[in-house]
Every structure is written in structure tokens, then in C-alpha cells.
Amino acid sequence: MSASGIDPPRTHSVRALLELLSDLAPEEEKTSINRILNTYLLELGILEDSYITSRYVTREFKNEEAQRLTTVVKEVMANVR
């Protein structure tokens, strides 16, 4: 349990974490979080799959794929602090 008395979620799902954050965020921040979820739904799913499969399966990404996913990660980090 954390200092606030709330257990942090036990997940590696970026989408689930963003959805939880959206539920807890002030109204003016929900729009930004929901825009990211809607705009990058596919890319966020690929990032989650990449995390899981990297432990068990070798998967190569093309440079364009890696650049696109890096852009998504940077945008999430810039908008969720």
C-alpha cells in the first residue's frame, strides 16, 4: 500500500493506466489523455504486445515502426506528468 492508502494498479498495460488516469484526472486533463488513447490506440497496443513478447519471442521492428512508436511514447510522456 502506498502512502496515500491506495494500492497502485498491478499492470503493464499503458492503455489501462491511461484509462485509470483519465478517470482520476481533473476535467481539463481528461481531454488530453482521452485524445492520446483514441489517436494512438493501435500503437499503444503494439507497445504492450512488444513488452510481453520481448520476454519470449524475438521480434524485429522496422526503423519506421520504431520511430512511430517512439513518437507515441514521447507524446504520452509529454502529456502525462
Protein backbone atom coordinates (compact mmCIF):
# COMPACT_ATOMS: atom_id res chain seq x y z
CA MET A 1 0.00 0.00 0.00
CA SER A 2 1.29 3.48 -0.84
CA ALA A 3 1.48 6.49 1.48
CA SER A 4 -1.91 7.64 0.18
CA GLY A 5 -3.51 4.37 1.30
CA ILE A 6 -4.27 3.28 -2.26
CA ASP A 7 -2.60 0.29 -3.87
CA PRO A 8 -1.13 1.16 -7.26
CA PRO A 9 -2.51 -0.90 -10.15
CA ARG A 10 -0.54 -4.03 -10.97
CA THR A 11 -0.43 -3.87 -14.75
CA HIS A 12 1.96 -3.29 -17.62
CA SER A 13 -0.88 -2.06 -19.82
CA VAL A 14 -0.27 1.52 -20.89
CA ARG A 15 -3.86 1.72 -22.09
CA ALA A 16 -5.25 0.53 -18.74
CA LEU A 17 -3.05 3.02 -16.87
CA LEU A 18 -4.11 5.89 -19.14
CA GLU A 19 -7.78 4.93 -18.72
CA LEU A 20 -7.35 4.91 -14.93
CA LEU A 21 -5.56 8.25 -15.06
CA SER A 22 -8.35 9.68 -17.19
CA ASP A 23 -10.91 8.56 -14.61
CA LEU A 24 -8.95 10.29 -11.83
CA ALA A 25 -7.79 13.41 -13.69
CA PRO A 26 -9.41 16.83 -13.48
CA GLU A 27 -11.81 17.51 -16.35
CA GLU A 28 -9.38 19.73 -18.30
CA GLU A 29 -6.76 16.96 -18.35
CA LYS A 30 -9.16 14.17 -19.35
CA THR A 31 -9.47 15.58 -22.86
CA SER A 32 -5.72 15.30 -23.48
CA ILE A 33 -5.49 11.79 -22.06
CA ASN A 34 -8.54 10.58 -24.00
CA ARG A 35 -7.19 12.14 -27.21
CA ILE A 36 -3.96 10.16 -26.78
CA LEU A 37 -5.92 6.96 -26.11
CA ASN A 38 -8.11 7.44 -29.17
CA THR A 39 -5.38 8.65 -31.51
CA TYR A 40 -2.80 6.03 -30.61
CA LEU A 41 -4.93 3.04 -29.65
CA LEU A 42 -3.21 0.74 -32.13
CA GLU A 43 0.31 1.94 -31.31
CA LEU A 44 -0.27 1.62 -27.56
CA GLY A 45 -1.46 -1.95 -28.11
CA ILE A 46 1.67 -2.72 -30.13
CA LEU A 47 3.83 -1.32 -27.32
CA GLU A 48 2.08 -3.58 -24.82
CA ASP A 49 2.49 -6.60 -27.09
CA SER A 50 6.15 -5.71 -27.58
CA TYR A 51 6.76 -5.68 -23.85
CA ILE A 52 5.21 -9.12 -23.40
CA THR A 53 6.70 -10.80 -26.46
CA SER A 54 10.18 -9.37 -25.86
CA ARG A 55 10.49 -11.78 -22.97
CA TYR A 56 9.67 -14.85 -25.04
CA VAL A 57 9.90 -14.17 -28.77
CA THR A 58 12.39 -12.36 -30.94
CA ARG A 59 10.63 -9.71 -32.96
CA GLU A 60 12.35 -7.21 -35.19
CA PHE A 61 10.87 -3.82 -35.87
CA LYS A 62 11.47 -1.81 -39.00
CA ASN A 63 13.03 1.61 -38.46
CA GLU A 64 9.75 3.34 -39.41
CA GLU A 65 7.83 1.28 -36.83
CA ALA A 66 10.32 2.11 -34.09
CA GLN A 67 10.23 5.81 -34.95
CA ARG A 68 6.44 5.87 -34.92
CA LEU A 69 6.27 4.10 -31.55
CA THR A 70 8.95 6.40 -30.14
CA THR A 71 6.85 9.39 -31.18
CA VAL A 72 3.86 7.95 -29.32
CA VAL A 73 5.91 7.32 -26.18
CA LYS A 74 7.26 10.88 -26.25
CA GLU A 75 3.76 12.31 -26.65
CA VAL A 76 2.41 10.24 -23.75
CA MET A 77 5.32 11.32 -21.56
CA ALA A 78 4.90 14.99 -22.52
CA ASN A 79 1.18 14.97 -21.72
CA VAL A 80 1.11 12.77 -18.64
CA ARG A 81 3.27 14.01 -15.80
